[in-house]
Amino acid sequence: VKGKNNMSWDDVKYARRREEMVRRQIEARNITDPAVLAAMRKVPRHLFVSEALRHKAYEDYPLPIGEQQTISQPFIVAEMSQALDLGPSDRVLEIGTGSGYQAAILAEIAYRVYTIERLHPLYIQARRLFDQLQYHNIVTRYSDGTTGWRAQSPFDAIIVTAGAPQAPESLIDQLAIGGRMVIPVGDQYAQDLIKIIKDRRGVRHFSLGGCRFVKLIGEEGWRAG
């Protein structure tokens, strides 16, 4: 159970902005999962960006978070979260913690979130914020996410928050039967958001439409250099 403080004026102001964000950007674009909508209304997105950008935290675009990385547009976060079809007992693997915002949204819905970040400053910053917000069901790891987290597999869902030429087989292998994965697939300039479902008949791919993410760096993702 997460702690609650008495709401300050700032809390009220940001709560109103979150409500407006959900109404105009999320619900208006056919995000209907009640758990996703509730999470988007609750998680304080402004705390996942720098103080200088907090006034833009609930706008309809991504924002820089340092290390040449971004916090995704709110709609993309909601769309990817809804595509995972999460239930309250699900265990989720996230590749690319970044600001930590996507993991926090998932943690409001799922039983446990395992999230991996390869950039140490972002890893430390996100871990501190998770502790501050009392997300005790988020487990963090500083590592190359393209290899997944085999020791904790299989996962009910996997989300990749960076673009790759294809879905790494190492991640598909770590999906449980009945598991879902959402990943941006394409080149460095544009990708399709792909949903993968793994069942006893095999692995199926579905396109959710175009998107653009920073590139996934690792053994099976974009090569550095």
C-alpha atoms as a PDB file:
ATOM      1  CA  VAL A   1       0.000   0.000   0.000  1.00  0.00           C
ATOM      2  CA  LYS A   2       1.445   3.298  -1.036  1.00  0.00           C
ATOM      3  CA  GLY A   3       1.519   6.177   1.423  1.00  0.00           C
ATOM      4  CA  LYS A   4      -0.702   9.205   0.958  1.00  0.00           C
ATOM      5  CA  ASN A   5      -0.009  12.741   2.091  1.00  0.00           C
ATOM      6  CA  ASN A   6      -2.441  15.597   2.462  1.00  0.00           C
ATOM      7  CA  MET A   7      -2.791  17.251  -0.935  1.00  0.00           C
ATOM      8  CA  SER A   8      -1.046  20.593  -1.336  1.00  0.00           C
ATOM      9  CA  TRP A   9      -2.057  23.184  -3.885  1.00  0.00           C
ATOM     10  CA  ASP A  10       0.599  21.784  -6.227  1.00  0.00           C
ATOM     11  CA  ASP A  11      -0.899  18.300  -5.795  1.00  0.00           C
ATOM     12  CA  VAL A  12      -4.338  19.625  -6.715  1.00  0.00           C
ATOM     13  CA  LYS A  13      -2.927  21.515  -9.711  1.00  0.00           C
ATOM     14  CA  TYR A  14      -1.105  18.475 -11.078  1.00  0.00           C
ATOM     15  CA  ALA A  15      -4.076  16.195 -10.416  1.00  0.00           C
ATOM     16  CA  ARG A  16      -6.192  18.514 -12.577  1.00  0.00           C
ATOM     17  CA  ARG A  17      -3.573  18.415 -15.311  1.00  0.00           C
ATOM     18  CA  ARG A  18      -3.494  14.624 -15.184  1.00  0.00           C
ATOM     19  CA  GLU A  19      -7.275  14.498 -15.504  1.00  0.00           C
ATOM     20  CA  GLU A  20      -7.136  16.817 -18.507  1.00  0.00           C
ATOM     21  CA  MET A  21      -4.322  14.742 -20.028  1.00  0.00           C
ATOM     22  CA  VAL A  22      -6.334  11.533 -19.693  1.00  0.00           C
ATOM     23  CA  ARG A  23      -9.514  13.071 -21.039  1.00  0.00           C
ATOM     24  CA  ARG A  24      -7.993  14.864 -24.049  1.00  0.00           C
ATOM     25  CA  GLN A  25      -5.029  12.670 -24.987  1.00  0.00           C
ATOM     26  CA  ILE A  26      -5.860   9.166 -23.742  1.00  0.00           C
ATOM     27  CA  GLU A  27      -9.604   8.557 -23.667  1.00  0.00           C
ATOM     28  CA  ALA A  28     -10.058  10.580 -26.856  1.00  0.00           C
ATOM     29  CA  ARG A  29      -7.769   8.099 -28.647  1.00  0.00           C
ATOM     30  CA  ASN A  30      -9.680   4.968 -27.680  1.00  0.00           C
ATOM     31  CA  ILE A  31      -7.754   3.877 -24.609  1.00  0.00           C
ATOM     32  CA  THR A  32     -10.527   2.133 -22.673  1.00  0.00           C
ATOM     33  CA  ASP A  33      -8.815  -0.222 -20.172  1.00  0.00           C
ATOM     34  CA  PRO A  34     -10.066   0.987 -16.758  1.00  0.00           C
ATOM     35  CA  ALA A  35      -6.847  -0.052 -14.988  1.00  0.00           C
ATOM     36  CA  VAL A  36      -4.679   1.856 -17.472  1.00  0.00           C
ATOM     37  CA  LEU A  37      -6.844   4.965 -17.224  1.00  0.00           C
ATOM     38  CA  ALA A  38      -6.767   4.827 -13.423  1.00  0.00           C
ATOM     39  CA  ALA A  39      -2.977   4.477 -13.422  1.00  0.00           C
ATOM     40  CA  MET A  40      -2.551   7.401 -15.822  1.00  0.00           C
ATOM     41  CA  ARG A  41      -4.743   9.528 -13.552  1.00  0.00           C
ATOM     42  CA  LYS A  42      -2.747   8.564 -10.452  1.00  0.00           C
ATOM     43  CA  VAL A  43       0.980   8.470 -11.279  1.00  0.00           C
ATOM     44  CA  PRO A  44       2.613  11.926 -10.848  1.00  0.00           C
ATOM     45  CA  ARG A  45       4.275  12.211 -14.270  1.00  0.00           C
ATOM     46  CA  HIS A  46       5.769  15.614 -13.369  1.00  0.00           C
ATOM     47  CA  LEU A  47       8.083  13.927 -10.848  1.00  0.00           C
ATOM     48  CA  PHE A  48       9.657  11.838 -13.623  1.00  0.00           C
ATOM     49  CA  VAL A  49      11.057  14.883 -15.464  1.00  0.00           C
ATOM     50  CA  SER A  50      13.396  17.657 -14.382  1.00  0.00           C
ATOM     51  CA  GLU A  51      11.985  20.577 -12.407  1.00  0.00           C
ATOM     52  CA  ALA A  52      12.616  22.833 -15.396  1.00  0.00           C
ATOM     53  CA  LEU A  53      10.224  20.729 -17.518  1.00  0.00           C
ATOM     54  CA  ARG A  54       7.502  20.017 -14.981  1.00  0.00           C
ATOM     55  CA  HIS A  55       5.179  22.586 -16.515  1.00  0.00           C
ATOM     56  CA  LYS A  56       5.295  20.490 -19.723  1.00  0.00           C
ATOM     57  CA  ALA A  57       4.934  17.086 -18.055  1.00  0.00           C
ATOM     58  CA  TYR A  58       1.309  16.554 -19.074  1.00  0.00           C
ATOM     59  CA  GLU A  59       1.594  17.821 -22.636  1.00  0.00           C
ATOM     60  CA  ASP A  60       1.090  15.621 -25.693  1.00  0.00           C
ATOM     61  CA  TYR A  61       4.732  14.919 -26.595  1.00  0.00           C
ATOM     62  CA  PRO A  62       7.902  13.222 -25.273  1.00  0.00           C
ATOM     63  CA  LEU A  63      10.412  15.142 -23.155  1.00  0.00           C
ATOM     64  CA  PRO A  64      14.188  14.805 -22.687  1.00  0.00           C
ATOM     65  CA  ILE A  65      15.367  13.143 -19.465  1.00  0.00           C
ATOM     66  CA  GLY A  66      19.136  13.290 -20.037  1.00  0.00           C
ATOM     67  CA  GLU A  67      21.605  10.753 -21.469  1.00  0.00           C
ATOM     68  CA  GLN A  68      20.019  11.380 -24.923  1.00  0.00           C
ATOM     69  CA  GLN A  69      16.873   9.598 -23.742  1.00  0.00           C
ATOM     70  CA  THR A  70      13.232  10.689 -23.458  1.00  0.00           C
ATOM     71  CA  ILE A  71      10.096  10.089 -21.423  1.00  0.00           C
ATOM     72  CA  SER A  72       7.512   8.884 -23.935  1.00  0.00           C
ATOM     73  CA  GLN A  73       4.424  10.796 -25.014  1.00  0.00           C
ATOM     74  CA  PRO A  74       1.605   9.982 -22.517  1.00  0.00           C
ATOM     75  CA  PHE A  75      -0.564   8.372 -25.196  1.00  0.00           C
ATOM     76  CA  ILE A  76       2.208   5.945 -26.201  1.00  0.00           C
ATOM     77  CA  VAL A  77       2.643   4.922 -22.556  1.00  0.00           C
ATOM     78  CA  ALA A  78      -1.086   4.289 -22.288  1.00  0.00           C
ATOM     79  CA  GLU A  79      -1.282   2.481 -25.633  1.00  0.00           C
ATOM     80  CA  MET A  80       1.588   0.131 -24.815  1.00  0.00           C
ATOM     81  CA  SER A  81       0.203  -0.523 -21.338  1.00  0.00           C
ATOM     82  CA  GLN A  82      -3.242  -1.366 -22.706  1.00  0.00           C
ATOM     83  CA  ALA A  83      -1.763  -3.646 -25.377  1.00  0.00           C
ATOM     84  CA  LEU A  84      -0.177  -5.810 -22.670  1.00  0.00           C
ATOM     85  CA  ASP A  85      -3.646  -6.857 -21.415  1.00  0.00           C
ATOM     86  CA  LEU A  86      -2.407  -6.916 -17.830  1.00  0.00           C
ATOM     87  CA  GLY A  87      -4.122  -8.507 -14.871  1.00  0.00           C
ATOM     88  CA  PRO A  88      -3.425  -7.953 -11.150  1.00  0.00           C
ATOM     89  CA  SER A  89      -1.429 -11.190 -10.800  1.00  0.00           C
ATOM     90  CA  ASP A  90       0.836 -10.611 -13.828  1.00  0.00           C
ATOM     91  CA  ARG A  91       4.619 -10.318 -13.720  1.00  0.00           C
ATOM     92  CA  VAL A  92       6.025  -7.850 -16.256  1.00  0.00           C
ATOM     93  CA  LEU A  93       9.529  -7.315 -17.642  1.00  0.00           C
ATOM     94  CA  GLU A  94      10.395  -3.833 -18.915  1.00  0.00           C
ATOM     95  CA  ILE A  95      13.442  -3.278 -21.115  1.00  0.00           C
ATOM     96  CA  GLY A  96      14.583   0.326 -20.696  1.00  0.00           C
ATOM     97  CA  THR A  97      13.591   1.912 -17.380  1.00  0.00           C
ATOM     98  CA  GLY A  98      14.398   5.428 -18.572  1.00  0.00           C
ATOM     99  CA  SER A  99      12.635   7.953 -16.345  1.00  0.00           C
ATOM    100  CA  GLY A 100      10.728   5.172 -14.584  1.00  0.00           C
ATOM    101  CA  TYR A 101       7.300   6.515 -15.565  1.00  0.00           C
ATOM    102  CA  GLN A 102       6.243   3.531 -17.672  1.00  0.00           C
ATOM    103  CA  ALA A 103       7.301   1.141 -14.895  1.00  0.00           C
ATOM    104  CA  ALA A 104       5.249   3.120 -12.373  1.00  0.00           C
ATOM    105  CA  ILE A 105       2.164   2.901 -14.596  1.00  0.00           C
ATOM    106  CA  LEU A 106       2.655  -0.863 -14.924  1.00  0.00           C
ATOM    107  CA  ALA A 107       3.219  -1.212 -11.170  1.00  0.00           C
ATOM    108  CA  GLU A 108      -0.224   0.274 -10.535  1.00  0.00           C
ATOM    109  CA  ILE A 109      -1.775  -2.525 -12.620  1.00  0.00           C
ATOM    110  CA  ALA A 110       0.394  -5.654 -12.334  1.00  0.00           C
ATOM    111  CA  TYR A 111       1.632  -7.735  -9.405  1.00  0.00           C
ATOM    112  CA  ARG A 112       5.324  -7.105 -10.021  1.00  0.00           C
ATOM    113  CA  VAL A 113       7.444  -5.185 -12.518  1.00  0.00           C
ATOM    114  CA  TYR A 114      11.046  -6.120 -13.320  1.00  0.00           C
ATOM    115  CA  THR A 115      12.782  -3.271 -15.124  1.00  0.00           C
ATOM    116  CA  ILE A 116      16.278  -3.069 -16.638  1.00  0.00           C
ATOM    117  CA  GLU A 117      18.273   0.065 -17.473  1.00  0.00           C
ATOM    118  CA  ARG A 118      21.728   0.169 -19.094  1.00  0.00           C
ATOM    119  CA  LEU A 119      22.474   3.852 -18.344  1.00  0.00           C
ATOM    120  CA  HIS A 120      23.646   4.142 -14.748  1.00  0.00           C
ATOM    121  CA  PRO A 121      22.522   7.749 -14.059  1.00  0.00           C
ATOM    122  CA  LEU A 122      18.980   6.917 -15.191  1.00  0.00           C
ATOM    123  CA  TYR A 123      18.998   3.657 -13.252  1.00  0.00           C
ATOM    124  CA  ILE A 124      19.964   5.444  -9.999  1.00  0.00           C
ATOM    125  CA  GLN A 125      17.506   8.272 -10.547  1.00  0.00           C
ATOM    126  CA  ALA A 126      14.582   5.935 -11.248  1.00  0.00           C
ATOM    127  CA  ARG A 127      15.380   3.672  -8.302  1.00  0.00           C
ATOM    128  CA  ARG A 128      15.375   6.637  -5.922  1.00  0.00           C
ATOM    129  CA  LEU A 129      12.052   7.822  -7.293  1.00  0.00           C
ATOM    130  CA  PHE A 130      10.481   4.369  -6.957  1.00  0.00           C
ATOM    131  CA  ASP A 131      11.573   4.316  -3.322  1.00  0.00           C
ATOM    132  CA  GLN A 132      10.260   7.839  -2.748  1.00  0.00           C
ATOM    133  CA  LEU A 133       6.874   6.918  -4.206  1.00  0.00           C
ATOM    134  CA  GLN A 134       6.865   3.576  -2.361  1.00  0.00           C
ATOM    135  CA  TYR A 135       6.655   1.326  -5.397  1.00  0.00           C
ATOM    136  CA  HIS A 136       7.744  -1.779  -3.559  1.00  0.00           C
ATOM    137  CA  ASN A 137       6.608  -4.040  -6.405  1.00  0.00           C
ATOM    138  CA  ILE A 138       9.202  -2.659  -8.854  1.00  0.00           C
ATOM    139  CA  VAL A 139      12.467  -4.622  -9.046  1.00  0.00           C
ATOM    140  CA  THR A 140      15.310  -2.800 -10.818  1.00  0.00           C
ATOM    141  CA  ARG A 141      18.471  -4.026 -12.520  1.00  0.00           C
ATOM    142  CA  TYR A 142      21.437  -2.201 -14.054  1.00  0.00           C
ATOM    143  CA  SER A 143      22.267  -4.257 -17.140  1.00  0.00           C
ATOM    144  CA  ASP A 144      21.921  -4.721 -20.913  1.00  0.00           C
ATOM    145  CA  GLY A 145      18.221  -5.350 -21.314  1.00  0.00           C
ATOM    146  CA  THR A 146      18.362  -7.052 -24.710  1.00  0.00           C
ATOM    147  CA  THR A 147      19.262 -10.326 -22.987  1.00  0.00           C
ATOM    148  CA  GLY A 148      16.268 -10.043 -20.670  1.00  0.00           C
ATOM    149  CA  TRP A 149      16.202 -11.399 -17.130  1.00  0.00           C
ATOM    150  CA  ARG A 150      16.205 -15.147 -17.535  1.00  0.00           C
ATOM    151  CA  ALA A 151      16.473 -15.921 -13.817  1.00  0.00           C
ATOM    152  CA  GLN A 152      13.060 -14.314 -13.235  1.00  0.00           C
ATOM    153  CA  SER A 153      11.377 -15.706 -16.352  1.00  0.00           C
ATOM    154  CA  PRO A 154       8.892 -16.643 -17.656  1.00  0.00           C
ATOM    155  CA  PHE A 155       7.013 -13.348 -17.717  1.00  0.00           C
ATOM    156  CA  ASP A 156       3.334 -12.774 -18.420  1.00  0.00           C
ATOM    157  CA  ALA A 157       4.229  -9.625 -20.340  1.00  0.00           C
ATOM    158  CA  ILE A 158       7.327  -7.896 -21.716  1.00  0.00           C
ATOM    159  CA  ILE A 159       7.510  -4.266 -22.803  1.00  0.00           C
ATOM    160  CA  VAL A 160      10.439  -2.793 -24.736  1.00  0.00           C
ATOM    161  CA  THR A 161      10.704   0.987 -24.670  1.00  0.00           C
ATOM    162  CA  ALA A 162      13.312   1.390 -27.422  1.00  0.00           C
ATOM    163  CA  GLY A 163      13.291   0.603 -31.127  1.00  0.00           C
ATOM    164  CA  ALA A 164      14.988  -2.505 -32.557  1.00  0.00           C
ATOM    165  CA  PRO A 165      15.285  -4.062 -36.036  1.00  0.00           C
ATOM    166  CA  GLN A 166      13.403  -7.094 -34.755  1.00  0.00           C
ATOM    167  CA  ALA A 167      12.137  -8.577 -31.507  1.00  0.00           C
ATOM    168  CA  PRO A 168      15.099 -10.292 -29.791  1.00  0.00           C
ATOM    169  CA  GLU A 169      14.582 -14.059 -29.617  1.00  0.00           C
ATOM    170  CA  SER A 170      16.041 -14.017 -26.120  1.00  0.00           C
ATOM    171  CA  LEU A 171      13.033 -11.979 -24.976  1.00  0.00           C
ATOM    172  CA  ILE A 172      10.431 -14.073 -26.805  1.00  0.00           C
ATOM    173  CA  ASP A 173      11.951 -17.139 -25.127  1.00  0.00           C
ATOM    174  CA  GLN A 174      11.302 -15.550 -21.735  1.00  0.00           C
ATOM    175  CA  LEU A 175       7.577 -15.051 -22.369  1.00  0.00           C
ATOM    176  CA  ALA A 176       5.237 -17.458 -20.642  1.00  0.00           C
ATOM    177  CA  ILE A 177       2.716 -19.408 -22.710  1.00  0.00           C
ATOM    178  CA  GLY A 178      -0.118 -16.929 -23.076  1.00  0.00           C
ATOM    179  CA  GLY A 179       2.361 -14.072 -22.680  1.00  0.00           C
ATOM    180  CA  ARG A 180       2.296 -10.755 -24.567  1.00  0.00           C
ATOM    181  CA  MET A 181       5.133  -8.510 -25.676  1.00  0.00           C
ATOM    182  CA  VAL A 182       4.989  -4.971 -27.068  1.00  0.00           C
ATOM    183  CA  ILE A 183       8.038  -3.613 -28.886  1.00  0.00           C
ATOM    184  CA  PRO A 184       8.815  -0.893 -31.481  1.00  0.00           C
ATOM    185  CA  VAL A 185      10.336  -2.595 -34.555  1.00  0.00           C
ATOM    186  CA  GLY A 186      11.953  -0.817 -37.490  1.00  0.00           C
ATOM    187  CA  ASP A 187      14.978   1.287 -38.410  1.00  0.00           C
ATOM    188  CA  GLN A 188      16.577   4.170 -36.510  1.00  0.00           C
ATOM    189  CA  TYR A 189      14.106   6.724 -37.853  1.00  0.00           C
ATOM    190  CA  ALA A 190      10.669   5.101 -37.631  1.00  0.00           C
ATOM    191  CA  GLN A 191       9.173   1.923 -36.276  1.00  0.00           C
ATOM    192  CA  ASP A 192       5.923   0.010 -36.053  1.00  0.00           C
ATOM    193  CA  LEU A 193       4.625  -0.803 -32.598  1.00  0.00           C
ATOM    194  CA  ILE A 194       4.346  -4.597 -32.645  1.00  0.00           C
ATOM    195  CA  LYS A 195       2.353  -6.771 -30.280  1.00  0.00           C
ATOM    196  CA  ILE A 196       3.542 -10.364 -29.973  1.00  0.00           C
ATOM    197  CA  ILE A 197       1.394 -13.119 -28.489  1.00  0.00           C
ATOM    198  CA  LYS A 198       2.965 -16.430 -27.550  1.00  0.00           C
ATOM    199  CA  ASP A 199       0.698 -19.443 -27.157  1.00  0.00           C
ATOM    200  CA  ARG A 200       0.859 -23.189 -27.634  1.00  0.00           C
ATOM    201  CA  ARG A 201       0.404 -22.750 -31.392  1.00  0.00           C
ATOM    202  CA  GLY A 202       3.456 -20.518 -31.673  1.00  0.00           C
ATOM    203  CA  VAL A 203       4.208 -16.796 -31.858  1.00  0.00           C
ATOM    204  CA  ARG A 204       1.962 -14.256 -33.598  1.00  0.00           C
ATOM    205  CA  HIS A 205       2.777 -10.640 -34.513  1.00  0.00           C
ATOM    206  CA  PHE A 206       0.301  -7.763 -34.823  1.00  0.00           C
ATOM    207  CA  SER A 207       1.003  -4.158 -35.861  1.00  0.00           C
ATOM    208  CA  LEU A 208      -0.466  -1.423 -33.667  1.00  0.00           C
ATOM    209  CA  GLY A 209       0.682   1.389 -35.961  1.00  0.00           C
ATOM    210  CA  GLY A 210       3.640   3.703 -36.445  1.00  0.00           C
ATOM    211  CA  CYS A 211       5.793   5.146 -33.666  1.00  0.00           C
ATOM    212  CA  ARG A 212       9.267   6.524 -33.032  1.00  0.00           C
ATOM    213  CA  PHE A 213      11.517   5.557 -30.126  1.00  0.00           C
ATOM    214  CA  VAL A 214      15.169   5.969 -29.231  1.00  0.00           C
ATOM    215  CA  LYS A 215      17.198   2.975 -30.361  1.00  0.00           C
ATOM    216  CA  LEU A 216      17.802  -0.170 -28.338  1.00  0.00           C
ATOM    217  CA  ILE A 217      21.527  -0.712 -27.761  1.00  0.00           C
ATOM    218  CA  GLY A 218      22.783  -4.173 -26.958  1.00  0.00           C
ATOM    219  CA  GLU A 219      23.898  -7.549 -28.163  1.00  0.00           C
ATOM    220  CA  GLU A 220      20.786  -8.117 -30.263  1.00  0.00           C
ATOM    221  CA  GLY A 221      19.564  -4.550 -30.706  1.00  0.00           C
ATOM    222  CA  TRP A 222      21.150  -1.645 -32.540  1.00  0.00           C
ATOM    223  CA  ARG A 223      24.916  -1.947 -32.660  1.00  0.00           C
ATOM    224  CA  ALA A 224      26.799   0.902 -31.038  1.00  0.00           C
ATOM    225  CA  GLY A 225      29.070   3.029 -33.189  1.00  0.00           C
END
